Amino acid sequence: MPDIGIDLSGKKALVTGGSRGIGRAIALRLAEAGCDVAINYLRNRGPAQETAEAVRSFGRNAILHKVNVAQEGKLADMFAAIQDGFGGLDILVSNAASGVIKPAMELTSRHWHWTMDINATALLPLTQHAAPLMGEDASIIAVSSLGAVRAIPNYAAVGASKAALESLVRHLAVELAPRGIRVNAISAGVVDTDALKHFSNRQQILTESARRTPAGRLTEPNDVADLALFLASPLASMMIGQTVVIDGGYSIMG
């Protein structure tokens, strides 16, 4: 039988929001498979540096770049650094996310635009900068959430931004597939990351989600990283414009 192990040796990846949580897990899984990894972060250099050191522990190269991916005018420097350091790009993981957790009736236009800009809009300029650095058999992966298709308390702005993100993924996929660039999204179930700390009922969410998940546990960052590795690999060569749910069966329970 053929060897179906995933070997991405020599590939170059960028993971936005790559210093902690799901982003860190994806960065390390790609490095483990052979990728050099550029790690984008927004605020704290310490966790980003730790992630870079973990990438290097696999014998890979790491680049750190601090920038708010929602600020389109500042992205050129990051991609110039990737071009200089790596010579190109094979994998883009758009994972950086933020948002305002409030009831819809309490949202302001500032809340709305902040959330949309970083969660959905950023994918467009990121892709526009990344695509010229990519050859054939490249992969762009956006990290979404179940809030894109479900109504979750206080999640109106974030959920709408994730729905927009998934729509943009489909449109980008159609445009870029002829160039050998695959675009897909991952929709993760409830994952206990720093983002969940913004919910006042965090413990209730965790307990109830675990109870309702047929797999018997919550989705973990490494689960999401495994799926990202698959989508970045040649095994996913015919995955085009899809949003793949990974949630242990949570979303099929009604």
C-alpha atoms as a PDB file:
ATOM      1  CA  MET A   1       0.000   0.000   0.000  1.00  0.00           C
ATOM      2  CA  PRO A   2       1.198   3.573  -0.622  1.00  0.00           C
ATOM      3  CA  ASP A   3       2.555   5.663   2.218  1.00  0.00           C
ATOM      4  CA  ILE A   4      -0.151   8.183   3.113  1.00  0.00           C
ATOM      5  CA  GLY A   5       1.809   9.997   5.794  1.00  0.00           C
ATOM      6  CA  ILE A   6       1.627  13.762   5.385  1.00  0.00           C
ATOM      7  CA  ASP A   7       5.038  15.204   4.562  1.00  0.00           C
ATOM      8  CA  LEU A   8       5.135  18.934   3.855  1.00  0.00           C
ATOM      9  CA  SER A   9       8.915  19.238   3.898  1.00  0.00           C
ATOM     10  CA  GLY A  10      10.071  22.437   2.260  1.00  0.00           C
ATOM     11  CA  LYS A  11       6.658  24.091   2.382  1.00  0.00           C
ATOM     12  CA  LYS A  12       6.286  27.620   3.755  1.00  0.00           C
ATOM     13  CA  ALA A  13       3.307  28.627   5.887  1.00  0.00           C
ATOM     14  CA  LEU A  14       1.847  31.742   7.480  1.00  0.00           C
ATOM     15  CA  VAL A  15      -0.479  31.389  10.467  1.00  0.00           C
ATOM     16  CA  THR A  16      -2.211  34.567  11.589  1.00  0.00           C
ATOM     17  CA  GLY A  17      -3.012  34.715  15.274  1.00  0.00           C
ATOM     18  CA  GLY A  18      -0.420  31.986  15.570  1.00  0.00           C
ATOM     19  CA  SER A  19       0.920  32.610  19.055  1.00  0.00           C
ATOM     20  CA  ARG A  20      -1.729  30.893  21.173  1.00  0.00           C
ATOM     21  CA  GLY A  21      -4.635  28.465  21.166  1.00  0.00           C
ATOM     22  CA  ILE A  22      -5.757  27.072  17.822  1.00  0.00           C
ATOM     23  CA  GLY A  23      -3.232  29.161  15.875  1.00  0.00           C
ATOM     24  CA  ARG A  24      -0.316  27.841  17.913  1.00  0.00           C
ATOM     25  CA  ALA A  25      -1.532  24.254  17.540  1.00  0.00           C
ATOM     26  CA  ILE A  26      -1.766  24.658  13.756  1.00  0.00           C
ATOM     27  CA  ALA A  27       1.665  26.280  13.527  1.00  0.00           C
ATOM     28  CA  LEU A  28       3.253  23.416  15.454  1.00  0.00           C
ATOM     29  CA  ARG A  29       1.446  20.706  13.509  1.00  0.00           C
ATOM     30  CA  LEU A  30       2.616  22.237  10.213  1.00  0.00           C
ATOM     31  CA  ALA A  31       6.169  22.500  11.549  1.00  0.00           C
ATOM     32  CA  GLU A  32       6.042  18.880  12.669  1.00  0.00           C
ATOM     33  CA  ALA A  33       5.068  17.930   9.103  1.00  0.00           C
ATOM     34  CA  GLY A  34       8.035  19.825   7.672  1.00  0.00           C
ATOM     35  CA  CYS A  35       6.921  23.430   7.153  1.00  0.00           C
ATOM     36  CA  ASP A  36       8.781  26.599   7.886  1.00  0.00           C
ATOM     37  CA  VAL A  37       6.252  28.836   9.631  1.00  0.00           C
ATOM     38  CA  ALA A  38       5.678  32.583   9.816  1.00  0.00           C
ATOM     39  CA  ILE A  39       3.770  33.465  12.975  1.00  0.00           C
ATOM     40  CA  ASN A  40       1.650  36.583  13.039  1.00  0.00           C
ATOM     41  CA  TYR A  41       0.590  38.047  16.372  1.00  0.00           C
ATOM     42  CA  LEU A  42      -1.037  41.250  17.592  1.00  0.00           C
ATOM     43  CA  ARG A  43      -0.069  42.062  21.190  1.00  0.00           C
ATOM     44  CA  ASN A  44       2.124  39.793  23.285  1.00  0.00           C
ATOM     45  CA  ARG A  45       5.522  38.865  21.879  1.00  0.00           C
ATOM     46  CA  GLY A  46       6.235  36.373  24.663  1.00  0.00           C
ATOM     47  CA  PRO A  47       3.778  33.643  23.559  1.00  0.00           C
ATOM     48  CA  ALA A  48       4.664  34.309  19.914  1.00  0.00           C
ATOM     49  CA  GLN A  49       8.355  33.847  20.690  1.00  0.00           C
ATOM     50  CA  GLU A  50       7.600  30.619  22.540  1.00  0.00           C
ATOM     51  CA  THR A  51       5.684  29.323  19.537  1.00  0.00           C
ATOM     52  CA  ALA A  52       8.551  30.276  17.231  1.00  0.00           C
ATOM     53  CA  GLU A  53      10.997  28.414  19.459  1.00  0.00           C
ATOM     54  CA  ALA A  54       8.721  25.365  19.391  1.00  0.00           C
ATOM     55  CA  VAL A  55       8.644  25.532  15.584  1.00  0.00           C
ATOM     56  CA  ARG A  56      12.442  25.665  15.532  1.00  0.00           C
ATOM     57  CA  SER A  57      12.609  22.653  17.823  1.00  0.00           C
ATOM     58  CA  PHE A  58      11.363  20.625  14.850  1.00  0.00           C
ATOM     59  CA  GLY A  59      14.323  21.889  12.838  1.00  0.00           C
ATOM     60  CA  ARG A  60      12.217  24.414  10.919  1.00  0.00           C
ATOM     61  CA  ASN A  61      12.636  28.114  10.325  1.00  0.00           C
ATOM     62  CA  ALA A  62      10.287  30.583  12.012  1.00  0.00           C
ATOM     63  CA  ILE A  63       9.494  34.219  11.304  1.00  0.00           C
ATOM     64  CA  LEU A  64       7.672  36.477  13.774  1.00  0.00           C
ATOM     65  CA  HIS A  65       5.652  39.462  12.603  1.00  0.00           C
ATOM     66  CA  LYS A  66       3.512  41.726  14.746  1.00  0.00           C
ATOM     67  CA  VAL A  67       0.620  43.351  12.897  1.00  0.00           C
ATOM     68  CA  ASN A  68      -3.138  43.752  13.162  1.00  0.00           C
ATOM     69  CA  VAL A  69      -4.335  41.865  10.094  1.00  0.00           C
ATOM     70  CA  ALA A  70      -7.389  44.128   9.947  1.00  0.00           C
ATOM     71  CA  GLN A  71      -5.105  47.044   9.031  1.00  0.00           C
ATOM     72  CA  GLU A  72      -4.716  46.378   5.328  1.00  0.00           C
ATOM     73  CA  GLY A  73      -2.097  49.065   4.790  1.00  0.00           C
ATOM     74  CA  LYS A  74       0.319  47.324   7.166  1.00  0.00           C
ATOM     75  CA  LEU A  75       0.197  43.870   5.583  1.00  0.00           C
ATOM     76  CA  ALA A  76       2.714  44.569   2.814  1.00  0.00           C
ATOM     77  CA  ASP A  77       5.633  44.588   5.270  1.00  0.00           C
ATOM     78  CA  MET A  78       4.667  41.179   6.646  1.00  0.00           C
ATOM     79  CA  PHE A  79       4.511  39.588   3.209  1.00  0.00           C
ATOM     80  CA  ALA A  80       7.760  41.280   2.186  1.00  0.00           C
ATOM     81  CA  ALA A  81       9.403  39.690   5.229  1.00  0.00           C
ATOM     82  CA  ILE A  82       8.001  36.304   4.225  1.00  0.00           C
ATOM     83  CA  GLN A  83       9.254  36.739   0.675  1.00  0.00           C
ATOM     84  CA  ASP A  84      12.697  37.724   1.935  1.00  0.00           C
ATOM     85  CA  GLY A  85      12.873  35.007   4.590  1.00  0.00           C
ATOM     86  CA  PHE A  86      11.154  32.098   2.841  1.00  0.00           C
ATOM     87  CA  GLY A  87      11.235  32.981  -0.861  1.00  0.00           C
ATOM     88  CA  GLY A  88       7.538  32.245  -1.257  1.00  0.00           C
ATOM     89  CA  LEU A  89       4.453  30.876   0.464  1.00  0.00           C
ATOM     90  CA  ASP A  90       2.542  27.601   0.159  1.00  0.00           C
ATOM     91  CA  ILE A  91       0.033  27.743   3.006  1.00  0.00           C
ATOM     92  CA  LEU A  92      -1.946  30.618   4.519  1.00  0.00           C
ATOM     93  CA  VAL A  93      -3.994  29.974   7.651  1.00  0.00           C
ATOM     94  CA  SER A  94      -6.255  32.916   8.443  1.00  0.00           C
ATOM     95  CA  ASN A  95      -6.892  32.271  12.118  1.00  0.00           C
ATOM     96  CA  ALA A  96      -6.618  35.687  13.818  1.00  0.00           C
ATOM     97  CA  ALA A  97      -9.987  36.644  15.257  1.00  0.00           C
ATOM     98  CA  SER A  98     -11.622  39.053  17.649  1.00  0.00           C
ATOM     99  CA  GLY A  99     -15.045  40.518  18.177  1.00  0.00           C
ATOM    100  CA  VAL A 100     -17.536  42.082  20.511  1.00  0.00           C
ATOM    101  CA  ILE A 101     -19.636  39.724  22.614  1.00  0.00           C
ATOM    102  CA  LYS A 102     -22.885  41.596  23.234  1.00  0.00           C
ATOM    103  CA  PRO A 103     -26.593  41.249  22.495  1.00  0.00           C
ATOM    104  CA  ALA A 104     -27.429  42.506  19.008  1.00  0.00           C
ATOM    105  CA  MET A 105     -29.512  45.366  20.398  1.00  0.00           C
ATOM    106  CA  GLU A 106     -26.474  46.707  22.269  1.00  0.00           C
ATOM    107  CA  LEU A 107     -24.051  46.653  19.327  1.00  0.00           C
ATOM    108  CA  THR A 108     -22.755  49.889  17.878  1.00  0.00           C
ATOM    109  CA  SER A 109     -21.482  50.369  14.339  1.00  0.00           C
ATOM    110  CA  ARG A 110     -17.964  50.527  15.803  1.00  0.00           C
ATOM    111  CA  HIS A 111     -18.451  47.106  17.412  1.00  0.00           C
ATOM    112  CA  TRP A 112     -19.778  45.738  14.124  1.00  0.00           C
ATOM    113  CA  HIS A 113     -16.999  47.056  11.905  1.00  0.00           C
ATOM    114  CA  TRP A 114     -14.226  46.013  14.323  1.00  0.00           C
ATOM    115  CA  THR A 115     -15.555  42.461  14.373  1.00  0.00           C
ATOM    116  CA  MET A 116     -16.163  42.268  10.624  1.00  0.00           C
ATOM    117  CA  ASP A 117     -12.798  43.769   9.727  1.00  0.00           C
ATOM    118  CA  ILE A 118     -10.666  41.279  11.625  1.00  0.00           C
ATOM    119  CA  ASN A 119     -12.825  38.144  11.284  1.00  0.00           C
ATOM    120  CA  ALA A 120     -14.020  38.405   7.677  1.00  0.00           C
ATOM    121  CA  THR A 121     -12.633  41.349   5.736  1.00  0.00           C
ATOM    122  CA  ALA A 122      -9.000  40.549   6.591  1.00  0.00           C
ATOM    123  CA  LEU A 123      -9.109  37.327   4.577  1.00  0.00           C
ATOM    124  CA  LEU A 124      -9.437  39.305   1.342  1.00  0.00           C
ATOM    125  CA  PRO A 125      -6.231  41.415   1.565  1.00  0.00           C
ATOM    126  CA  LEU A 126      -4.379  38.493   3.137  1.00  0.00           C
ATOM    127  CA  THR A 127      -5.258  36.372   0.116  1.00  0.00           C
ATOM    128  CA  GLN A 128      -4.461  39.179  -2.302  1.00  0.00           C
ATOM    129  CA  HIS A 129      -0.979  39.469  -0.799  1.00  0.00           C
ATOM    130  CA  ALA A 130      -0.443  35.727  -0.421  1.00  0.00           C
ATOM    131  CA  ALA A 131      -1.557  34.495  -3.837  1.00  0.00           C
ATOM    132  CA  PRO A 132       1.284  36.137  -5.818  1.00  0.00           C
ATOM    133  CA  LEU A 133       3.778  34.298  -3.578  1.00  0.00           C
ATOM    134  CA  MET A 134       2.103  30.935  -4.162  1.00  0.00           C
ATOM    135  CA  GLY A 135       2.640  28.314  -6.812  1.00  0.00           C
ATOM    136  CA  GLU A 136       0.442  25.357  -7.661  1.00  0.00           C
ATOM    137  CA  ASP A 137      -0.771  23.007  -4.936  1.00  0.00           C
ATOM    138  CA  ALA A 138      -1.057  25.839  -2.417  1.00  0.00           C
ATOM    139  CA  SER A 139      -3.667  26.052   0.319  1.00  0.00           C
ATOM    140  CA  ILE A 140      -5.541  28.854   2.053  1.00  0.00           C
ATOM    141  CA  ILE A 141      -7.472  27.907   5.181  1.00  0.00           C
ATOM    142  CA  ALA A 142      -9.804  30.178   7.149  1.00  0.00           C
ATOM    143  CA  VAL A 143     -10.868  29.325  10.693  1.00  0.00           C
ATOM    144  CA  SER A 144     -14.586  29.832  11.269  1.00  0.00           C
ATOM    145  CA  SER A 145     -17.035  28.688  13.954  1.00  0.00           C
ATOM    146  CA  LEU A 146     -20.489  27.165  14.329  1.00  0.00           C
ATOM    147  CA  GLY A 147     -21.802  30.659  15.049  1.00  0.00           C
ATOM    148  CA  ALA A 148     -21.800  31.210  11.293  1.00  0.00           C
ATOM    149  CA  VAL A 149     -24.913  29.038  10.980  1.00  0.00           C
ATOM    150  CA  ARG A 150     -26.337  28.988  14.509  1.00  0.00           C
ATOM    151  CA  ALA A 151     -27.797  31.681  16.715  1.00  0.00           C
ATOM    152  CA  ILE A 152     -25.725  31.866  19.905  1.00  0.00           C
ATOM    153  CA  PRO A 153     -26.489  34.335  22.726  1.00  0.00           C
ATOM    154  CA  ASN A 154     -24.403  37.530  22.491  1.00  0.00           C
ATOM    155  CA  TYR A 155     -22.709  36.228  19.328  1.00  0.00           C
ATOM    156  CA  ALA A 156     -24.525  38.321  16.693  1.00  0.00           C
ATOM    157  CA  ALA A 157     -21.526  40.297  15.442  1.00  0.00           C
ATOM    158  CA  VAL A 158     -19.068  37.417  15.564  1.00  0.00           C
ATOM    159  CA  GLY A 159     -21.529  34.956  14.046  1.00  0.00           C
ATOM    160  CA  ALA A 160     -22.327  37.312  11.186  1.00  0.00           C
ATOM    161  CA  SER A 161     -18.621  37.878  10.567  1.00  0.00           C
ATOM    162  CA  LYS A 162     -17.989  34.134  10.411  1.00  0.00           C
ATOM    163  CA  ALA A 163     -20.879  33.677   7.983  1.00  0.00           C
ATOM    164  CA  ALA A 164     -19.358  36.379   5.775  1.00  0.00           C
ATOM    165  CA  LEU A 165     -15.985  34.651   6.078  1.00  0.00           C
ATOM    166  CA  GLU A 166     -17.389  31.341   4.851  1.00  0.00           C
ATOM    167  CA  SER A 167     -19.092  33.040   1.904  1.00  0.00           C
ATOM    168  CA  LEU A 168     -15.846  34.776   0.963  1.00  0.00           C
ATOM    169  CA  VAL A 169     -14.050  31.417   1.134  1.00  0.00           C
ATOM    170  CA  ARG A 170     -16.407  30.003  -1.496  1.00  0.00           C
ATOM    171  CA  HIS A 171     -15.927  32.950  -3.849  1.00  0.00           C
ATOM    172  CA  LEU A 172     -12.151  32.981  -3.458  1.00  0.00           C
ATOM    173  CA  ALA A 173     -12.066  29.228  -4.024  1.00  0.00           C
ATOM    174  CA  VAL A 174     -13.760  29.579  -7.413  1.00  0.00           C
ATOM    175  CA  GLU A 175     -11.356  32.312  -8.522  1.00  0.00           C
ATOM    176  CA  LEU A 176      -8.167  30.664  -7.297  1.00  0.00           C
ATOM    177  CA  ALA A 177      -8.772  26.989  -8.075  1.00  0.00           C
ATOM    178  CA  PRO A 178      -7.623  27.381 -11.714  1.00  0.00           C
ATOM    179  CA  ARG A 179      -4.297  28.651 -10.352  1.00  0.00           C
ATOM    180  CA  GLY A 180      -3.831  25.562  -8.188  1.00  0.00           C
ATOM    181  CA  ILE A 181      -4.676  27.358  -4.938  1.00  0.00           C
ATOM    182  CA  ARG A 182      -7.255  25.633  -2.763  1.00  0.00           C
ATOM    183  CA  VAL A 183      -9.369  27.737  -0.394  1.00  0.00           C
ATOM    184  CA  ASN A 184     -11.355  26.107   2.410  1.00  0.00           C
ATOM    185  CA  ALA A 185     -12.634  26.839   5.902  1.00  0.00           C
ATOM    186  CA  ILE A 186     -12.638  24.963   9.179  1.00  0.00           C
ATOM    187  CA  SER A 187     -15.664  25.351  11.444  1.00  0.00           C
ATOM    188  CA  ALA A 188     -14.696  24.273  14.923  1.00  0.00           C
ATOM    189  CA  GLY A 189     -17.016  23.352  17.734  1.00  0.00           C
ATOM    190  CA  VAL A 190     -16.628  24.718  21.245  1.00  0.00           C
ATOM    191  CA  VAL A 191     -12.900  24.899  22.010  1.00  0.00           C
ATOM    192  CA  ASP A 192     -11.661  26.029  25.419  1.00  0.00           C
ATOM    193  CA  THR A 193      -9.312  28.844  24.374  1.00  0.00           C
ATOM    194  CA  ASP A 194      -8.700  32.374  25.643  1.00  0.00           C
ATOM    195  CA  ALA A 195     -11.521  33.626  23.414  1.00  0.00           C
ATOM    196  CA  LEU A 196     -14.068  31.795  25.540  1.00  0.00           C
ATOM    197  CA  LYS A 197     -13.023  33.780  28.593  1.00  0.00           C
ATOM    198  CA  HIS A 198     -15.006  36.713  27.200  1.00  0.00           C
ATOM    199  CA  PHE A 199     -18.252  34.811  27.825  1.00  0.00           C
ATOM    200  CA  SER A 200     -19.709  35.381  31.280  1.00  0.00           C
ATOM    201  CA  ASN A 201     -21.214  31.878  31.210  1.00  0.00           C
ATOM    202  CA  ARG A 202     -18.007  30.182  30.073  1.00  0.00           C
ATOM    203  CA  GLN A 203     -18.183  27.252  32.487  1.00  0.00           C
ATOM    204  CA  GLN A 204     -21.818  26.588  31.608  1.00  0.00           C
ATOM    205  CA  ILE A 205     -20.923  26.572  27.899  1.00  0.00           C
ATOM    206  CA  LEU A 206     -18.095  24.107  28.464  1.00  0.00           C
ATOM    207  CA  THR A 207     -20.143  21.764  30.639  1.00  0.00           C
ATOM    208  CA  GLU A 208     -23.218  21.761  28.411  1.00  0.00           C
ATOM    209  CA  SER A 209     -21.213  21.417  25.208  1.00  0.00           C
ATOM    210  CA  ALA A 210     -19.304  18.425  26.542  1.00  0.00           C
ATOM    211  CA  ARG A 211     -22.582  16.824  27.630  1.00  0.00           C
ATOM    212  CA  ARG A 212     -24.126  17.269  24.182  1.00  0.00           C
ATOM    213  CA  THR A 213     -21.114  16.094  22.181  1.00  0.00           C
ATOM    214  CA  PRO A 214     -21.433  12.466  21.022  1.00  0.00           C
ATOM    215  CA  ALA A 215     -17.646  12.055  21.071  1.00  0.00           C
ATOM    216  CA  GLY A 216     -17.788  12.621  24.825  1.00  0.00           C
ATOM    217  CA  ARG A 217     -15.359  15.533  24.981  1.00  0.00           C
ATOM    218  CA  LEU A 218     -14.841  19.039  23.663  1.00  0.00           C
ATOM    219  CA  THR A 219     -12.937  19.768  20.478  1.00  0.00           C
ATOM    220  CA  GLU A 220      -9.316  20.630  21.281  1.00  0.00           C
ATOM    221  CA  PRO A 221      -6.844  22.868  19.433  1.00  0.00           C
ATOM    222  CA  ASN A 222      -4.900  19.809  18.262  1.00  0.00           C
ATOM    223  CA  ASP A 223      -8.050  18.395  16.664  1.00  0.00           C
ATOM    224  CA  VAL A 224      -8.386  21.559  14.613  1.00  0.00           C
ATOM    225  CA  ALA A 225      -4.679  21.455  13.788  1.00  0.00           C
ATOM    226  CA  ASP A 226      -4.998  17.910  12.449  1.00  0.00           C
ATOM    227  CA  LEU A 227      -7.758  19.021  10.089  1.00  0.00           C
ATOM    228  CA  ALA A 228      -5.724  22.028   8.975  1.00  0.00           C
ATOM    229  CA  LEU A 229      -2.805  19.703   8.214  1.00  0.00           C
ATOM    230  CA  PHE A 230      -5.063  17.543   6.056  1.00  0.00           C
ATOM    231  CA  LEU A 231      -6.454  20.530   4.153  1.00  0.00           C
ATOM    232  CA  ALA A 232      -2.923  21.824   3.560  1.00  0.00           C
ATOM    233  CA  SER A 233      -1.792  18.477   2.191  1.00  0.00           C
ATOM    234  CA  PRO A 234      -2.064  16.858  -1.259  1.00  0.00           C
ATOM    235  CA  LEU A 235      -4.638  14.478   0.254  1.00  0.00           C
ATOM    236  CA  ALA A 236      -7.103  17.395   0.046  1.00  0.00           C
ATOM    237  CA  SER A 237      -6.389  18.195  -3.607  1.00  0.00           C
ATOM    238  CA  MET A 238     -10.104  18.104  -4.497  1.00  0.00           C
ATOM    239  CA  MET A 239     -11.332  20.014  -1.456  1.00  0.00           C
ATOM    240  CA  ILE A 240     -12.369  23.335  -2.962  1.00  0.00           C
ATOM    241  CA  GLY A 241     -14.472  26.000  -1.241  1.00  0.00           C
ATOM    242  CA  GLN A 242     -15.675  23.774   1.577  1.00  0.00           C
ATOM    243  CA  THR A 243     -16.404  24.546   5.200  1.00  0.00           C
ATOM    244  CA  VAL A 244     -15.453  21.433   7.157  1.00  0.00           C
ATOM    245  CA  VAL A 245     -17.015  21.038  10.589  1.00  0.00           C
ATOM    246  CA  ILE A 246     -14.966  19.482  13.388  1.00  0.00           C
ATOM    247  CA  ASP A 247     -16.949  19.275  16.605  1.00  0.00           C
ATOM    248  CA  GLY A 248     -17.211  15.662  17.750  1.00  0.00           C
ATOM    249  CA  GLY A 249     -20.792  15.538  16.479  1.00  0.00           C
ATOM    250  CA  TYR A 250     -22.065  18.477  18.536  1.00  0.00           C
ATOM    251  CA  SER A 251     -23.770  20.217  15.605  1.00  0.00           C
ATOM    252  CA  ILE A 252     -25.804  17.192  14.521  1.00  0.00           C
ATOM    253  CA  MET A 253     -27.596  17.003  17.859  1.00  0.00           C
ATOM    254  CA  GLY A 254     -30.179  19.674  17.038  1.00  0.00           C
END
